[in-house]
Protein backbone atom coordinates (compact mmCIF):
# COMPACT_ATOMS: atom_id res chain seq x y z
CA MET A 1 10.84 9.81 13.22
CA LYS A 2 7.64 7.68 12.06
CA ASN A 3 7.82 6.23 8.89
CA ILE A 4 5.71 3.25 7.51
CA VAL A 5 8.08 0.63 5.36
CA PHE A 6 6.31 -2.01 2.76
CA ASP A 7 9.84 -4.16 1.86
CA HIS A 8 9.59 -6.81 -0.86
CA VAL A 9 5.47 -6.91 -0.63
CA VAL A 10 3.98 -9.70 -2.76
CA LYS A 11 0.32 -9.85 -3.03
CA ALA A 12 -0.95 -13.24 -5.05
CA TYR A 13 -4.75 -14.51 -5.88
CA GLY A 14 -3.89 -17.97 -6.29
CA LYS A 15 -1.52 -18.36 -8.72
CA ASN A 16 -2.37 -15.02 -10.12
CA VAL A 17 0.89 -12.52 -8.92
CA ILE A 18 -1.00 -8.77 -8.83
CA VAL A 19 1.86 -7.41 -7.16
CA ARG A 20 5.55 -8.58 -6.52
CA ASP A 21 8.89 -7.36 -4.95
CA LEU A 22 6.96 -3.67 -3.79
CA ASN A 23 9.35 -1.39 -2.05
CA LEU A 24 7.83 1.70 -0.60
CA GLU A 25 8.41 3.69 2.10
CA VAL A 26 6.21 7.08 3.46
CA LYS A 27 8.43 9.52 5.94
CA GLU A 28 6.87 11.33 8.80
CA GLY A 29 5.00 14.58 7.33
CA GLU A 30 4.25 12.36 3.63
CA ARG A 31 0.83 11.33 2.49
CA LEU A 32 0.01 8.55 0.97
CA ILE A 33 -3.36 8.06 -1.54
CA LEU A 34 -4.48 5.07 -2.80
CA LEU A 35 -6.99 4.86 -5.37
CA GLY A 36 -9.57 2.05 -6.39
CA PRO A 37 -13.26 1.39 -7.17
CA SER A 38 -15.65 1.91 -4.69
CA GLY A 39 -15.69 -1.42 -2.46
CA CYS A 40 -11.95 -2.81 -3.07
CA GLY A 41 -10.80 -2.37 -0.02
CA ASN A 42 -9.25 0.85 0.53
CA LEU A 43 -8.81 2.80 3.81
CA ARG A 44 -9.49 6.65 4.39
CA ARG A 45 -8.34 8.15 7.02
CA SER A 46 -8.47 11.94 7.39
CA GLY A 47 -6.31 13.35 10.15
């Protein structure tokens, strides 16, 4: 079984913390959709 796991992820720009302690697991067969404005670094994969 293949999973994608994010464990205690932090994202900051300088001293400005945007994401603090993100925990997420995407299990095999599940889908994850990330939304954001054009050009913000989203990745699109179809398959």
